[in-house]
């Protein structure tokens, strides 16, 4: 199953205003039911320079891609990573799967 990426600022704003929030130790997920599965990543400048921010985005996208098979419905997601010392694919994937199970998405 393939997902679409959220790219427009207006799409992000709609989710931030009207979506539900779920929290994990490494990130916050804002989600809302949608016609098809969509996902965007919001990484601020406090995470470091562009190289670090782009690496975080790649890790989150890959973790979401591998975890999306567990989704029951179609939702639009924005994932906002929290600032921490080190980021890993395993951590993102494990916490995302736990969040999907906990929120019954």
PDB file of N, CA and C in Angstrom:
ATOM      1  N   UNK A   1       0.847  -1.177   0.000  1.00  0.00           N
ATOM      2  CA  UNK A   1       0.000   0.000   0.000  1.00  0.00           C
ATOM      3  C   UNK A   1       0.892   1.240   0.000  1.00  0.00           C
ATOM      4  N   UNK A   2       0.578   2.172  -0.844  1.00  0.00           N
ATOM      5  CA  UNK A   2       1.371   3.382  -0.993  1.00  0.00           C
ATOM      6  C   UNK A   2       0.645   4.543  -0.334  1.00  0.00           C
ATOM      7  N   UNK A   3       1.387   5.474   0.191  1.00  0.00           N
ATOM      8  CA  UNK A   3       0.798   6.672   0.775  1.00  0.00           C
ATOM      9  C   UNK A   3       1.233   7.893  -0.010  1.00  0.00           C
ATOM     10  N   UNK A   4       0.449   8.948   0.095  1.00  0.00           N
ATOM     11  CA  UNK A   4       0.807  10.205  -0.543  1.00  0.00           C
ATOM     12  C   UNK A   4       1.440  11.111   0.492  1.00  0.00           C
ATOM     13  N   UNK A   5       2.280  12.020   0.042  1.00  0.00           N
ATOM     14  CA  UNK A   5       2.933  12.940   0.960  1.00  0.00           C
ATOM     15  C   UNK A   5       2.167  14.254   1.034  1.00  0.00           C
ATOM     16  N   UNK A   6       2.063  14.780   2.226  1.00  0.00           N
ATOM     17  CA  UNK A   6       1.511  16.114   2.405  1.00  0.00           C
ATOM     18  C   UNK A   6       2.608  17.104   2.059  1.00  0.00           C
ATOM     19  N   UNK A   7       2.301  18.068   1.206  1.00  0.00           N
ATOM     20  CA  UNK A   7       3.313  19.025   0.797  1.00  0.00           C
ATOM     21  C   UNK A   7       2.869  20.472   0.998  1.00  0.00           C
ATOM     22  N   UNK A   8       1.571  20.722   0.881  1.00  0.00           N
ATOM     23  CA  UNK A   8       1.076  22.098   0.952  1.00  0.00           C
ATOM     24  C   UNK A   8       0.941  22.559   2.400  1.00  0.00           C
ATOM     25  N   UNK A   9       1.289  23.809   2.624  1.00  0.00           N
ATOM     26  CA  UNK A   9       1.160  24.389   3.958  1.00  0.00           C
ATOM     27  C   UNK A   9      -0.293  24.373   4.425  1.00  0.00           C
ATOM     28  N   UNK A  10      -1.233  24.548   3.498  1.00  0.00           N
ATOM     29  CA  UNK A  10      -2.649  24.547   3.872  1.00  0.00           C
ATOM     30  C   UNK A  10      -3.083  23.181   4.398  1.00  0.00           C
ATOM     31  N   UNK A  11      -2.534  22.097   3.833  1.00  0.00           N
ATOM     32  CA  UNK A  11      -2.842  20.755   4.324  1.00  0.00           C
ATOM     33  C   UNK A  11      -2.306  20.546   5.737  1.00  0.00           C
ATOM     34  N   UNK A  12      -1.094  21.018   5.986  1.00  0.00           N
ATOM     35  CA  UNK A  12      -0.523  20.922   7.321  1.00  0.00           C
ATOM     36  C   UNK A  12      -1.360  21.732   8.318  1.00  0.00           C
ATOM     37  N   UNK A  13      -1.764  22.940   7.918  1.00  0.00           N
ATOM     38  CA  UNK A  13      -2.558  23.800   8.806  1.00  0.00           C
ATOM     39  C   UNK A  13      -3.894  23.158   9.162  1.00  0.00           C
ATOM     40  N   UNK A  14      -4.562  22.542   8.188  1.00  0.00           N
ATOM     41  CA  UNK A  14      -5.840  21.873   8.454  1.00  0.00           C
ATOM     42  C   UNK A  14      -5.672  20.761   9.484  1.00  0.00           C
ATOM     43  N   UNK A  15      -4.610  19.998   9.347  1.00  0.00           N
ATOM     44  CA  UNK A  15      -4.364  18.911  10.294  1.00  0.00           C
ATOM     45  C   UNK A  15      -4.033  19.450  11.681  1.00  0.00           C
ATOM     46  N   UNK A  16      -3.190  20.465  11.761  1.00  0.00           N
ATOM     47  CA  UNK A  16      -2.825  21.012  13.066  1.00  0.00           C
ATOM     48  C   UNK A  16      -4.028  21.624  13.773  1.00  0.00           C
ATOM     49  N   UNK A  17      -4.957  22.216  13.013  1.00  0.00           N
ATOM     50  CA  UNK A  17      -6.132  22.840  13.624  1.00  0.00           C
ATOM     51  C   UNK A  17      -7.196  21.827  14.005  1.00  0.00           C
ATOM     52  N   UNK A  18      -7.459  20.830  13.148  1.00  0.00           N
ATOM     53  CA  UNK A  18      -8.593  19.947  13.383  1.00  0.00           C
ATOM     54  C   UNK A  18      -8.270  18.505  13.696  1.00  0.00           C
ATOM     55  N   UNK A  19      -6.983  18.165  13.814  1.00  0.00           N
ATOM     56  CA  UNK A  19      -6.620  16.773  14.018  1.00  0.00           C
ATOM     57  C   UNK A  19      -6.465  16.394  15.479  1.00  0.00           C
ATOM     58  N   UNK A  20      -6.475  15.100  15.726  1.00  0.00           N
ATOM     59  CA  UNK A  20      -6.215  14.577  17.067  1.00  0.00           C
ATOM     60  C   UNK A  20      -4.712  14.392  17.219  1.00  0.00           C
ATOM     61  N   UNK A  21      -4.251  14.452  18.473  1.00  0.00           N
ATOM     62  CA  UNK A  21      -2.826  14.302  18.743  1.00  0.00           C
ATOM     63  C   UNK A  21      -2.571  13.042  19.553  1.00  0.00           C
ATOM     64  N   UNK A  22      -1.496  12.379  19.216  1.00  0.00           N
ATOM     65  CA  UNK A  22      -1.039  11.210  19.963  1.00  0.00           C
ATOM     66  C   UNK A  22       0.454  11.412  20.221  1.00  0.00           C
ATOM     67  N   UNK A  23       0.888  11.004  21.402  1.00  0.00           N
ATOM     68  CA  UNK A  23       2.255  11.295  21.811  1.00  0.00           C
ATOM     69  C   UNK A  23       3.052  10.019  22.033  1.00  0.00           C
ATOM     70  N   UNK A  24       4.296  10.048  21.585  1.00  0.00           N
ATOM     71  CA  UNK A  24       5.266   8.983  21.817  1.00  0.00           C
ATOM     72  C   UNK A  24       6.522   9.653  22.375  1.00  0.00           C
ATOM     73  N   UNK A  25       7.432   8.889  22.953  1.00  0.00           N
ATOM     74  CA  UNK A  25       8.641   9.523  23.509  1.00  0.00           C
ATOM     75  C   UNK A  25       9.480  10.292  22.486  1.00  0.00           C
ATOM     76  N   UNK A  26       9.506   9.856  21.233  1.00  0.00           N
ATOM     77  CA  UNK A  26      10.359  10.493  20.229  1.00  0.00           C
ATOM     78  C   UNK A  26       9.637  11.463  19.301  1.00  0.00           C
ATOM     79  N   UNK A  27       8.311  11.427  19.265  1.00  0.00           N
ATOM     80  CA  UNK A  27       7.593  12.289  18.326  1.00  0.00           C
ATOM     81  C   UNK A  27       6.140  12.464  18.755  1.00  0.00           C
ATOM     82  N   UNK A  28       5.486  13.427  18.115  1.00  0.00           N
ATOM     83  CA  UNK A  28       4.055  13.658  18.263  1.00  0.00           C
ATOM     84  C   UNK A  28       3.416  13.416  16.906  1.00  0.00           C
ATOM     85  N   UNK A  29       2.265  12.754  16.896  1.00  0.00           N
ATOM     86  CA  UNK A  29       1.548  12.493  15.652  1.00  0.00           C
ATOM     87  C   UNK A  29       0.224  13.239  15.701  1.00  0.00           C
ATOM     88  N   UNK A  30      -0.059  13.994  14.657  1.00  0.00           N
ATOM     89  CA  UNK A  30      -1.350  14.643  14.492  1.00  0.00           C
ATOM     90  C   UNK A  30      -2.034  13.913  13.346  1.00  0.00           C
ATOM     91  N   UNK A  31      -3.251  13.428  13.580  1.00  0.00           N
ATOM     92  CA  UNK A  31      -3.922  12.629  12.562  1.00  0.00           C
ATOM     93  C   UNK A  31      -5.397  12.991  12.469  1.00  0.00           C
ATOM     94  N   UNK A  32      -5.959  12.657  11.313  1.00  0.00           N
ATOM     95  CA  UNK A  32      -7.357  12.944  11.028  1.00  0.00           C
ATOM     96  C   UNK A  32      -7.810  11.970   9.943  1.00  0.00           C
ATOM     97  N   UNK A  33      -9.032  11.436  10.019  1.00  0.00           N
ATOM     98  CA  UNK A  33      -9.510  10.569   8.940  1.00  0.00           C
ATOM     99  C   UNK A  33      -9.488  11.298   7.594  1.00  0.00           C
ATOM    100  N   UNK A  34      -9.147  10.558   6.551  1.00  0.00           N
ATOM    101  CA  UNK A  34      -9.052  11.151   5.214  1.00  0.00           C
ATOM    102  C   UNK A  34      -9.479  10.115   4.175  1.00  0.00           C
ATOM    103  N   UNK A  35      -9.609  10.562   2.924  1.00  0.00           N
ATOM    104  CA  UNK A  35     -10.004   9.669   1.841  1.00  0.00           C
ATOM    105  C   UNK A  35      -8.914   8.664   1.497  1.00  0.00           C
ATOM    106  N   UNK A  36      -7.658   9.100   1.574  1.00  0.00           N
ATOM    107  CA  UNK A  36      -6.537   8.200   1.328  1.00  0.00           C
ATOM    108  C   UNK A  36      -5.431   8.504   2.339  1.00  0.00           C
ATOM    109  N   UNK A  37      -4.546   7.558   2.518  1.00  0.00           N
ATOM    110  CA  UNK A  37      -3.482   7.708   3.498  1.00  0.00           C
ATOM    111  C   UNK A  37      -2.463   8.729   2.999  1.00  0.00           C
ATOM    112  N   UNK A  38      -2.214   9.737   3.841  1.00  0.00           N
ATOM    113  CA  UNK A  38      -1.260  10.791   3.521  1.00  0.00           C
ATOM    114  C   UNK A  38      -0.392  11.033   4.747  1.00  0.00           C
ATOM    115  N   UNK A  39       0.853  11.455   4.513  1.00  0.00           N
ATOM    116  CA  UNK A  39       1.757  11.684   5.620  1.00  0.00           C
ATOM    117  C   UNK A  39       2.712  12.808   5.295  1.00  0.00           C
ATOM    118  N   UNK A  40       2.983  13.630   6.297  1.00  0.00           N
ATOM    119  CA  UNK A  40       3.968  14.692   6.174  1.00  0.00           C
ATOM    120  C   UNK A  40       4.804  14.727   7.442  1.00  0.00           C
ATOM    121  N   UNK A  41       6.000  15.291   7.333  1.00  0.00           N
ATOM    122  CA  UNK A  41       6.903  15.393   8.474  1.00  0.00           C
ATOM    123  C   UNK A  41       7.229  16.865   8.677  1.00  0.00           C
ATOM    124  N   UNK A  42       7.160  17.312   9.923  1.00  0.00           N
ATOM    125  CA  UNK A  42       7.475  18.694  10.250  1.00  0.00           C
ATOM    126  C   UNK A  42       8.665  18.711  11.196  1.00  0.00           C
ATOM    127  N   UNK A  43       9.821  19.133  10.685  1.00  0.00           N
ATOM    128  CA  UNK A  43      11.050  19.177  11.477  1.00  0.00           C
ATOM    129  C   UNK A  43      11.529  20.624  11.515  1.00  0.00           C
ATOM    130  N   UNK A  44      11.612  21.189  12.712  1.00  0.00           N
ATOM    131  CA  UNK A  44      12.004  22.582  12.866  1.00  0.00           C
ATOM    132  C   UNK A  44      13.510  22.781  12.875  1.00  0.00           C
ATOM    133  N   UNK A  45      13.921  24.026  12.824  1.00  0.00           N
ATOM    134  CA  UNK A  45      15.349  24.350  12.770  1.00  0.00           C
ATOM    135  C   UNK A  45      16.077  24.057  14.069  1.00  0.00           C
ATOM    136  N   UNK A  46      15.336  23.862  15.158  1.00  0.00           N
ATOM    137  CA  UNK A  46      15.988  23.553  16.427  1.00  0.00           C
ATOM    138  C   UNK A  46      16.606  22.152  16.428  1.00  0.00           C
ATOM    139  N   UNK A  47      16.278  21.339  15.413  1.00  0.00           N
ATOM    140  CA  UNK A  47      16.850  19.997  15.292  1.00  0.00           C
ATOM    141  C   UNK A  47      18.258  20.017  14.704  1.00  0.00           C
ATOM    142  N   UNK A  48      18.682  21.134  14.186  1.00  0.00           N
ATOM    143  CA  UNK A  48      20.026  21.218  13.614  1.00  0.00           C
ATOM    144  C   UNK A  48      19.992  21.789  12.208  1.00  0.00           C
ATOM    145  N   UNK A  49      21.103  21.638  11.546  1.00  0.00           N
ATOM    146  CA  UNK A  49      21.206  22.144  10.188  1.00  0.00           C
ATOM    147  C   UNK A  49      20.470  21.229   9.222  1.00  0.00           C
ATOM    148  N   UNK A  50      20.435  21.601   7.953  1.00  0.00           N
ATOM    149  CA  UNK A  50      19.607  20.895   6.974  1.00  0.00           C
ATOM    150  C   UNK A  50      19.981  19.427   6.822  1.00  0.00           C
ATOM    151  N   UNK A  51      21.245  19.087   6.973  1.00  0.00           N
ATOM    152  CA  UNK A  51      21.663  17.700   6.835  1.00  0.00           C
ATOM    153  C   UNK A  51      20.996  16.837   7.912  1.00  0.00           C
ATOM    154  N   UNK A  52      20.998  17.319   9.160  1.00  0.00           N
ATOM    155  CA  UNK A  52      20.374  16.572  10.245  1.00  0.00           C
ATOM    156  C   UNK A  52      18.858  16.514  10.075  1.00  0.00           C
ATOM    157  N   UNK A  53      18.245  17.620   9.679  1.00  0.00           N
ATOM    158  CA  UNK A  53      16.790  17.652   9.497  1.00  0.00           C
ATOM    159  C   UNK A  53      16.363  16.698   8.391  1.00  0.00           C
ATOM    160  N   UNK A  54      17.103  16.666   7.293  1.00  0.00           N
ATOM    161  CA  UNK A  54      16.760  15.772   6.182  1.00  0.00           C
ATOM    162  C   UNK A  54      16.934  14.314   6.576  1.00  0.00           C
ATOM    163  N   UNK A  55      17.929  14.001   7.392  1.00  0.00           N
ATOM    164  CA  UNK A  55      18.122  12.628   7.860  1.00  0.00           C
ATOM    165  C   UNK A  55      16.949  12.197   8.734  1.00  0.00           C
ATOM    166  N   UNK A  56      16.503  13.078   9.605  1.00  0.00           N
ATOM    167  CA  UNK A  56      15.356  12.774  10.466  1.00  0.00           C
ATOM    168  C   UNK A  56      14.130  12.505   9.605  1.00  0.00           C
ATOM    169  N   UNK A  57      13.914  13.325   8.592  1.00  0.00           N
ATOM    170  CA  UNK A  57      12.762  13.134   7.703  1.00  0.00           C
ATOM    171  C   UNK A  57      12.835  11.793   6.985  1.00  0.00           C
ATOM    172  N   UNK A  58      14.009  11.417   6.497  1.00  0.00           N
ATOM    173  CA  UNK A  58      14.162  10.129   5.814  1.00  0.00           C
ATOM    174  C   UNK A  58      13.857   8.971   6.753  1.00  0.00           C
ATOM    175  N   UNK A  59      14.355   9.046   7.982  1.00  0.00           N
ATOM    176  CA  UNK A  59      14.112   7.985   8.959  1.00  0.00           C
ATOM    177  C   UNK A  59      12.627   7.866   9.293  1.00  0.00           C
ATOM    178  N   UNK A  60      11.961   8.989   9.475  1.00  0.00           N
ATOM    179  CA  UNK A  60      10.535   8.970   9.821  1.00  0.00           C
ATOM    180  C   UNK A  60       9.715   8.436   8.658  1.00  0.00           C
ATOM    181  N   UNK A  61      10.020   8.871   7.445  1.00  0.00           N
ATOM    182  CA  UNK A  61       9.272   8.394   6.273  1.00  0.00           C
ATOM    183  C   UNK A  61       9.410   6.882   6.108  1.00  0.00           C
ATOM    184  N   UNK A  62      10.621   6.371   6.292  1.00  0.00           N
ATOM    185  CA  UNK A  62      10.835   4.933   6.140  1.00  0.00           C
ATOM    186  C   UNK A  62      10.126   4.162   7.253  1.00  0.00           C
ATOM    187  N   UNK A  63      10.156   4.675   8.464  1.00  0.00           N
ATOM    188  CA  UNK A  63       9.463   4.016   9.573  1.00  0.00           C
ATOM    189  C   UNK A  63       7.958   3.993   9.305  1.00  0.00           C
ATOM    190  N   UNK A  64       7.413   5.091   8.787  1.00  0.00           N
ATOM    191  CA  UNK A  64       5.986   5.137   8.467  1.00  0.00           C
ATOM    192  C   UNK A  64       5.660   4.168   7.342  1.00  0.00           C
ATOM    193  N   UNK A  65       6.523   4.100   6.337  1.00  0.00           N
ATOM    194  CA  UNK A  65       6.283   3.203   5.207  1.00  0.00           C
ATOM    195  C   UNK A  65       6.201   1.753   5.672  1.00  0.00           C
ATOM    196  N   UNK A  66       7.074   1.371   6.577  1.00  0.00           N
ATOM    197  CA  UNK A  66       7.066  -0.013   7.041  1.00  0.00           C
ATOM    198  C   UNK A  66       5.926  -0.277   8.033  1.00  0.00           C
ATOM    199  N   UNK A  67       5.458   0.754   8.737  1.00  0.00           N
ATOM    200  CA  UNK A  67       4.404   0.566   9.741  1.00  0.00           C
ATOM    201  C   UNK A  67       2.997   0.737   9.174  1.00  0.00           C
ATOM    202  N   UNK A  68       2.864   1.286   7.998  1.00  0.00           N
ATOM    203  CA  UNK A  68       1.530   1.595   7.475  1.00  0.00           C
ATOM    204  C   UNK A  68       0.706   0.358   7.152  1.00  0.00           C
ATOM    205  N   UNK A  69       1.334  -0.800   7.049  1.00  0.00           N
ATOM    206  CA  UNK A  69       0.578  -2.021   6.803  1.00  0.00           C
ATOM    207  C   UNK A  69      -0.320  -2.374   7.992  1.00  0.00           C
ATOM    208  N   UNK A  70      -0.023  -1.834   9.164  1.00  0.00           N
ATOM    209  CA  UNK A  70      -0.803  -2.090  10.373  1.00  0.00           C
ATOM    210  C   UNK A  70      -2.029  -1.175  10.490  1.00  0.00           C
ATOM    211  N   UNK A  71      -2.138  -0.177   9.622  1.00  0.00           N
ATOM    212  CA  UNK A  71      -3.265   0.762   9.693  1.00  0.00           C
ATOM    213  C   UNK A  71      -4.564   0.080   9.289  1.00  0.00           C
ATOM    214  N   UNK A  72      -5.627   0.363  10.019  1.00  0.00           N
ATOM    215  CA  UNK A  72      -6.938  -0.208   9.727  1.00  0.00           C
ATOM    216  C   UNK A  72      -7.719   0.655   8.731  1.00  0.00           C
ATOM    217  N   UNK A  73      -7.601   1.974   8.839  1.00  0.00           N
ATOM    218  CA  UNK A  73      -8.344   2.884   7.969  1.00  0.00           C
ATOM    219  C   UNK A  73      -7.387   3.783   7.201  1.00  0.00           C
ATOM    220  N   UNK A  74      -7.959   4.843   6.620  1.00  0.00           N
ATOM    221  CA  UNK A  74      -7.144   5.822   5.905  1.00  0.00           C
ATOM    222  C   UNK A  74      -7.151   7.122   6.693  1.00  0.00           C
ATOM    223  N   UNK A  75      -5.983   7.638   6.925  1.00  0.00           N
ATOM    224  CA  UNK A  75      -5.804   8.845   7.723  1.00  0.00           C
ATOM    225  C   UNK A  75      -4.776   9.746   7.070  1.00  0.00           C
ATOM    226  N   UNK A  76      -4.825  11.020   7.448  1.00  0.00           N
ATOM    227  CA  UNK A  76      -3.776  11.968   7.100  1.00  0.00           C
ATOM    228  C   UNK A  76      -2.962  12.187   8.374  1.00  0.00           C
ATOM    229  N   UNK A  77      -1.656  12.100   8.268  1.00  0.00           N
ATOM    230  CA  UNK A  77      -0.756  12.199   9.418  1.00  0.00           C
ATOM    231  C   UNK A  77       0.235  13.330   9.227  1.00  0.00           C
ATOM    232  N   UNK A  78       0.588  13.981  10.341  1.00  0.00           N
ATOM    233  CA  UNK A  78       1.766  14.835  10.402  1.00  0.00           C
ATOM    234  C   UNK A  78       2.565  14.334  11.589  1.00  0.00           C
ATOM    235  N   UNK A  79       3.816  14.007  11.354  1.00  0.00           N
ATOM    236  CA  UNK A  79       4.682  13.521  12.413  1.00  0.00           C
ATOM    237  C   UNK A  79       5.686  14.621  12.743  1.00  0.00           C
ATOM    238  N   UNK A  80       5.730  14.982  14.034  1.00  0.00           N
ATOM    239  CA  UNK A  80       6.609  16.050  14.506  1.00  0.00           C
ATOM    240  C   UNK A  80       7.613  15.435  15.484  1.00  0.00           C
ATOM    241  N   UNK A  81       8.854  15.206  15.056  1.00  0.00           N
ATOM    242  CA  UNK A  81       9.849  14.617  15.954  1.00  0.00           C
ATOM    243  C   UNK A  81      10.223  15.577  17.079  1.00  0.00           C
ATOM    244  N   UNK A  82      10.538  14.996  18.233  1.00  0.00           N
ATOM    245  CA  UNK A  82      11.011  15.777  19.368  1.00  0.00           C
ATOM    246  C   UNK A  82      12.529  15.846  19.317  1.00  0.00           C
ATOM    247  N   UNK A  83      13.079  16.895  19.909  1.00  0.00           N
ATOM    248  CA  UNK A  83      14.530  17.064  19.915  1.00  0.00           C
ATOM    249  C   UNK A  83      15.140  16.058  20.885  1.00  0.00           C
ATOM    250  N   UNK A  84      16.097  15.281  20.406  1.00  0.00           N
ATOM    251  CA  UNK A  84      16.829  14.352  21.266  1.00  0.00           C
ATOM    252  C   UNK A  84      18.246  14.207  20.724  1.00  0.00           C
ATOM    253  N   UNK A  85      19.073  13.514  21.466  1.00  0.00           N
ATOM    254  CA  UNK A  85      20.482  13.388  21.085  1.00  0.00           C
ATOM    255  C   UNK A  85      20.710  12.566  19.837  1.00  0.00           C
ATOM    256  N   UNK A  86      20.009  11.439  19.729  1.00  0.00           N
ATOM    257  CA  UNK A  86      20.245  10.547  18.602  1.00  0.00           C
ATOM    258  C   UNK A  86      18.928   9.995  18.083  1.00  0.00           C
ATOM    259  N   UNK A  87      18.830   9.837  16.773  1.00  0.00           N
ATOM    260  CA  UNK A  87      17.629   9.332  16.134  1.00  0.00           C
ATOM    261  C   UNK A  87      17.956   8.019  15.449  1.00  0.00           C
ATOM    262  N   UNK A  88      17.042   7.041  15.539  1.00  0.00           N
ATOM    263  CA  UNK A  88      17.283   5.774  14.857  1.00  0.00           C
ATOM    264  C   UNK A  88      15.985   5.265  14.243  1.00  0.00           C
ATOM    265  N   UNK A  89      16.141   4.538  13.176  1.00  0.00           N
ATOM    266  CA  UNK A  89      14.999   3.959  12.474  1.00  0.00           C
ATOM    267  C   UNK A  89      14.231   3.005  13.380  1.00  0.00           C
ATOM    268  N   UNK A  90      14.952   2.165  14.128  1.00  0.00           N
ATOM    269  CA  UNK A  90      14.307   1.178  14.992  1.00  0.00           C
ATOM    270  C   UNK A  90      13.430   1.849  16.042  1.00  0.00           C
ATOM    271  N   UNK A  91      13.910   2.928  16.622  1.00  0.00           N
ATOM    272  CA  UNK A  91      13.138   3.644  17.635  1.00  0.00           C
ATOM    273  C   UNK A  91      11.863   4.216  17.037  1.00  0.00           C
ATOM    274  N   UNK A  92      11.986   4.895  15.897  1.00  0.00           N
ATOM    275  CA  UNK A  92      10.812   5.479  15.253  1.00  0.00           C
ATOM    276  C   UNK A  92       9.797   4.401  14.885  1.00  0.00           C
ATOM    277  N   UNK A  93      10.282   3.313  14.298  1.00  0.00           N
ATOM    278  CA  UNK A  93       9.370   2.253  13.856  1.00  0.00           C
ATOM    279  C   UNK A  93       8.658   1.603  15.041  1.00  0.00           C
ATOM    280  N   UNK A  94       9.400   1.276  16.078  1.00  0.00           N
ATOM    281  CA  UNK A  94       8.827   0.621  17.253  1.00  0.00           C
ATOM    282  C   UNK A  94       7.766   1.509  17.917  1.00  0.00           C
ATOM    283  N   UNK A  95       8.076   2.782  18.080  1.00  0.00           N
ATOM    284  CA  UNK A  95       7.134   3.689  18.727  1.00  0.00           C
ATOM    285  C   UNK A  95       5.928   3.982  17.842  1.00  0.00           C
ATOM    286  N   UNK A  96       6.128   4.030  16.540  1.00  0.00           N
ATOM    287  CA  UNK A  96       5.009   4.251  15.628  1.00  0.00           C
ATOM    288  C   UNK A  96       4.057   3.060  15.634  1.00  0.00           C
ATOM    289  N   UNK A  97       4.586   1.851  15.626  1.00  0.00           N
ATOM    290  CA  UNK A  97       3.738   0.659  15.701  1.00  0.00           C
ATOM    291  C   UNK A  97       2.965   0.610  17.018  1.00  0.00           C
ATOM    292  N   UNK A  98       3.621   0.960  18.115  1.00  0.00           N
ATOM    293  CA  UNK A  98       2.945   0.981  19.415  1.00  0.00           C
ATOM    294  C   UNK A  98       1.842   2.031  19.436  1.00  0.00           C
ATOM    295  N   UNK A  99       2.090   3.170  18.819  1.00  0.00           N
ATOM    296  CA  UNK A  99       1.095   4.242  18.776  1.00  0.00           C
ATOM    297  C   UNK A  99      -0.111   3.842  17.932  1.00  0.00           C
ATOM    298  N   UNK A 100       0.131   3.180  16.798  1.00  0.00           N
ATOM    299  CA  UNK A 100      -0.965   2.715  15.941  1.00  0.00           C
ATOM    300  C   UNK A 100      -1.839   1.713  16.700  1.00  0.00           C
ATOM    301  N   UNK A 101      -1.183   0.828  17.430  1.00  0.00           N
ATOM    302  CA  UNK A 101      -1.925  -0.176  18.208  1.00  0.00           C
ATOM    303  C   UNK A 101      -2.716   0.494  19.348  1.00  0.00           C
ATOM    304  N   UNK A 102      -2.081   1.447  20.027  1.00  0.00           N
ATOM    305  CA  UNK A 102      -2.716   2.118  21.168  1.00  0.00           C
ATOM    306  C   UNK A 102      -3.912   2.964  20.743  1.00  0.00           C
ATOM    307  N   UNK A 103      -3.767   3.699  19.643  1.00  0.00           N
ATOM    308  CA  UNK A 103      -4.830   4.587  19.169  1.00  0.00           C
ATOM    309  C   UNK A 103      -5.858   3.866  18.302  1.00  0.00           C
ATOM    310  N   UNK A 104      -5.603   2.596  17.985  1.00  0.00           N
ATOM    311  CA  UNK A 104      -6.507   1.777  17.154  1.00  0.00           C
ATOM    312  C   UNK A 104      -6.749   2.423  15.790  1.00  0.00           C
ATOM    313  N   UNK A 105      -5.677   2.811  15.132  1.00  0.00           N
ATOM    314  CA  UNK A 105      -5.777   3.454  13.833  1.00  0.00           C
ATOM    315  C   UNK A 105      -5.854   2.422  12.734  1.00  0.00           C
TER     316      UNK A 105
END
